[in-house]
Amino acid sequence: MLEIDIPALRRKLLDLQEELQGLTRTADDSSQVVELDQARVGRLSRMDAMQAQAMSQAAGRRRELMLRNIAATLARMDEDDYGFCRSCDEVINPKRLEYDPTATMCVVCAGRNE
């Protein structure tokens, strides 16, 4: 059976967590409310701003979800519950965990859930 290199995966998760937190801190004002004053901004400019706002908000939601997944994964590592499928309790392939350290299911169970 292949061994899971938990310390290396922990470092990878902590690096990703730091990067995502940095992106969240430095996010620009593109997620702020779009000004609807027609005298100041033309219709197409407002539409562009609204689209940029929506994309920025969606990116922020994805970052927050990933940060929650990372925190949950680090907690599982601390509780020695990491690397086991949440559905069938079998060991998740280490190659899958290298690709996505936050994976909670083996390939078979993940395929069934899709």
Protein backbone atom coordinates (compact mmCIF):
# COMPACT_ATOMS: atom_id res chain seq x y z
CA MET A 1 0.00 0.00 0.00
CA LEU A 2 1.18 3.54 -0.80
CA GLU A 3 1.94 5.87 2.10
CA ILE A 4 0.40 9.31 2.44
CA ASP A 5 2.99 12.04 3.07
CA ILE A 6 0.88 14.06 5.49
CA PRO A 7 3.60 16.60 6.42
CA ALA A 8 4.14 17.48 2.74
CA LEU A 9 0.40 17.76 2.12
CA ARG A 10 0.02 19.91 5.24
CA ARG A 11 2.71 22.28 3.94
CA LYS A 12 0.97 22.41 0.57
CA LEU A 13 -2.36 23.23 2.25
CA LEU A 14 -0.83 25.90 4.50
CA ASP A 15 0.87 27.53 1.49
CA LEU A 16 -2.40 27.53 -0.44
CA GLN A 17 -4.26 28.88 2.59
CA GLU A 18 -1.77 31.73 2.92
CA GLU A 19 -2.04 32.52 -0.79
CA LEU A 20 -5.85 32.57 -0.70
CA GLN A 21 -5.90 34.74 2.41
CA GLY A 22 -3.52 37.16 0.69
CA LEU A 23 -5.78 37.31 -2.36
CA THR A 24 -8.76 37.98 -0.13
CA ARG A 25 -6.92 40.82 1.66
CA THR A 26 -5.76 42.43 -1.58
CA ALA A 27 -9.00 41.99 -3.52
CA ASP A 28 -9.74 45.21 -5.35
CA ASP A 29 -12.93 47.22 -5.25
CA SER A 30 -14.47 45.31 -8.14
CA SER A 31 -16.84 43.52 -5.78
CA GLN A 32 -18.25 46.78 -4.44
CA VAL A 33 -21.72 48.06 -5.30
CA VAL A 34 -21.97 49.39 -8.84
CA GLU A 35 -22.92 53.07 -9.05
CA LEU A 36 -26.14 53.49 -11.05
CA ASP A 37 -25.79 57.24 -11.65
CA GLN A 38 -26.39 57.58 -15.39
CA ALA A 39 -24.97 61.09 -15.42
CA ARG A 40 -21.55 59.80 -14.28
CA VAL A 41 -21.25 56.47 -16.08
CA GLY A 42 -22.61 55.27 -19.41
CA ARG A 43 -24.86 52.23 -19.75
CA LEU A 44 -22.15 49.97 -21.25
CA SER A 45 -19.64 51.01 -18.61
CA ARG A 46 -22.17 50.15 -15.89
CA MET A 47 -22.83 46.77 -17.51
CA ASP A 48 -19.08 46.08 -17.63
CA ALA A 49 -18.74 47.14 -13.99
CA MET A 50 -21.66 44.91 -12.97
CA GLN A 51 -20.13 41.95 -14.80
CA ALA A 52 -16.74 42.57 -13.16
CA GLN A 53 -18.48 42.86 -9.80
CA ALA A 54 -20.30 39.55 -10.28
CA MET A 55 -17.09 37.80 -11.34
CA SER A 56 -15.21 39.23 -8.37
CA GLN A 57 -17.93 38.14 -5.95
CA ALA A 58 -17.98 34.64 -7.43
CA ALA A 59 -14.18 34.41 -7.11
CA GLY A 60 -14.48 35.53 -3.49
CA ARG A 61 -17.08 32.84 -2.77
CA ARG A 62 -14.81 30.20 -4.35
CA ARG A 63 -11.87 31.42 -2.23
CA GLU A 64 -13.96 31.28 0.95
CA LEU A 65 -15.17 27.76 0.12
CA MET A 66 -11.62 26.62 -0.52
CA LEU A 67 -10.45 28.19 2.75
CA ARG A 68 -13.21 26.31 4.62
CA ASN A 69 -12.20 23.07 2.89
CA ILE A 70 -8.55 23.64 3.83
CA ALA A 71 -9.47 24.32 7.47
CA ALA A 72 -11.58 21.16 7.59
CA THR A 73 -8.77 19.13 6.01
CA LEU A 74 -6.20 20.46 8.51
CA ALA A 75 -8.60 19.55 11.33
CA ARG A 76 -8.93 16.00 9.95
CA MET A 77 -5.13 15.78 9.84
CA ASP A 78 -4.93 16.89 13.48
CA GLU A 79 -7.52 14.27 14.46
CA ASP A 80 -5.75 11.46 12.54
CA ASP A 81 -8.86 11.12 10.40
CA TYR A 82 -7.18 12.23 7.18
CA GLY A 83 -6.95 10.07 4.07
CA PHE A 84 -10.05 7.97 4.62
CA CYS A 85 -13.11 8.12 2.38
CA ARG A 86 -16.08 9.76 4.11
CA SER A 87 -18.41 7.37 2.31
CA CYS A 88 -16.81 3.92 2.44
CA ASP A 89 -14.02 4.44 5.05
CA GLU A 90 -11.40 3.03 2.68
CA VAL A 91 -8.03 4.73 2.25
CA ILE A 92 -8.04 7.40 -0.44
CA ASN A 93 -5.32 6.85 -3.03
CA PRO A 94 -2.30 9.03 -2.14
CA LYS A 95 -2.05 10.16 -5.77
CA ARG A 96 -5.57 11.57 -5.50
CA LEU A 97 -4.60 13.38 -2.30
CA GLU A 98 -1.46 14.77 -3.94
CA TYR A 99 -3.64 16.19 -6.71
CA ASP A 100 -6.33 17.48 -4.30
CA PRO A 101 -5.32 17.35 -0.63
CA THR A 102 -8.86 18.39 0.37
CA ALA A 103 -10.49 15.33 -1.24
CA THR A 104 -12.85 13.59 1.19
CA MET A 105 -13.86 10.63 -0.96
CA CYS A 106 -12.14 7.95 -2.98
CA VAL A 107 -12.53 8.01 -6.75
CA VAL A 108 -15.23 5.34 -6.75
CA CYS A 109 -17.44 7.07 -4.18
CA ALA A 110 -16.85 10.51 -5.70
CA GLY A 111 -17.93 9.09 -9.08
CA ARG A 112 -21.12 7.73 -7.54
CA ASN A 113 -21.97 11.08 -6.01
CA GLU A 114 -21.70 13.02 -9.27
